[in-house]
Amino acid sequence: MEGFTELLPDEIHEKLLSALNQKNPFRSFKDALEGDDELKKDWYSHYNGLVWFRAMEWLHENAAEKV
């Protein structure tokens, strides 16, 4: 999440970073995305890309060789 905030303009970066420093960081981050559909779309695209990359990395490291 912090990596994503670093890609954004300062004002938005500070807003989301502040959310991550709250008592419930995940909930606060999600709440900070509300009301900005473009930012929310960008976050989920970024997140899904990371999940896909990590899955491919795991497969590469752990998948059995083809027979």
Protein backbone atom coordinates (compact mmCIF):
# COMPACT_ATOMS: atom_id res chain seq x y z
CA MET A 1 0.00 0.00 0.00
CA GLU A 2 2.82 2.40 0.84
CA GLY A 3 4.45 1.65 -2.50
CA PHE A 4 1.24 2.62 -4.26
CA THR A 5 1.04 5.92 -2.40
CA GLU A 6 4.56 6.80 -3.54
CA LEU A 7 3.37 6.76 -7.15
CA LEU A 8 0.79 9.49 -6.51
CA PRO A 9 0.87 13.29 -6.31
CA ASP A 10 1.91 14.66 -2.92
CA GLU A 11 -1.56 15.62 -1.71
CA ILE A 12 -3.05 12.19 -2.37
CA HIS A 13 0.10 10.46 -1.17
CA GLU A 14 -0.13 12.26 2.19
CA LYS A 15 -3.85 11.50 2.53
CA LEU A 16 -3.37 7.76 1.97
CA LEU A 17 -0.18 7.57 4.03
CA SER A 18 -2.03 9.25 6.89
CA ALA A 19 -4.77 6.62 6.57
CA LEU A 20 -2.14 3.89 6.87
CA ASN A 21 -0.94 5.39 10.15
CA GLN A 22 -4.39 5.19 11.75
CA LYS A 23 -5.49 2.59 14.31
CA ASN A 24 -7.11 0.43 11.60
CA PRO A 25 -4.84 1.06 8.61
CA PHE A 26 -6.50 -1.25 6.10
CA ARG A 27 -9.97 0.08 6.84
CA SER A 28 -8.73 3.66 6.91
CA PHE A 29 -6.98 3.21 3.55
CA LYS A 30 -10.15 1.79 2.02
CA ASP A 31 -12.20 4.66 3.49
CA ALA A 32 -9.71 7.19 2.07
CA LEU A 33 -10.29 5.76 -1.41
CA GLU A 34 -14.04 6.28 -1.16
CA GLY A 35 -15.42 9.08 -3.27
CA ASP A 36 -12.62 8.92 -5.83
CA ASP A 37 -13.56 6.22 -8.31
CA GLU A 38 -10.46 6.79 -10.46
CA LEU A 39 -8.12 6.44 -7.48
CA LYS A 40 -9.96 3.34 -6.30
CA LYS A 41 -9.68 1.84 -9.79
CA ASP A 42 -5.96 2.64 -9.86
CA TRP A 43 -5.46 1.03 -6.44
CA TYR A 44 -7.21 -2.21 -7.40
CA SER A 45 -5.33 -2.37 -10.70
CA HIS A 46 -2.06 -1.91 -8.82
CA TYR A 47 -3.03 -4.48 -6.18
CA ASN A 48 -4.20 -7.06 -8.73
CA GLY A 49 -0.97 -6.62 -10.66
CA LEU A 50 1.04 -7.33 -7.52
CA VAL A 51 -1.02 -10.41 -6.71
CA TRP A 52 -0.59 -11.70 -10.26
CA PHE A 53 3.16 -11.04 -10.18
CA ARG A 54 3.57 -12.83 -6.84
CA ALA A 55 1.53 -15.79 -8.09
CA MET A 56 3.68 -16.10 -11.21
CA GLU A 57 6.81 -15.80 -9.11
CA TRP A 58 5.58 -18.60 -6.81
CA LEU A 59 4.70 -20.82 -9.76
CA HIS A 60 8.11 -20.27 -11.28
CA GLU A 61 9.81 -21.22 -8.01
CA ASN A 62 7.52 -24.10 -6.97
CA ALA A 63 5.83 -25.63 -9.99
CA ALA A 64 6.89 -29.08 -11.05
CA GLU A 65 8.69 -29.34 -14.33
CA LYS A 66 6.66 -30.36 -17.36
CA VAL A 67 6.73 -34.05 -18.13
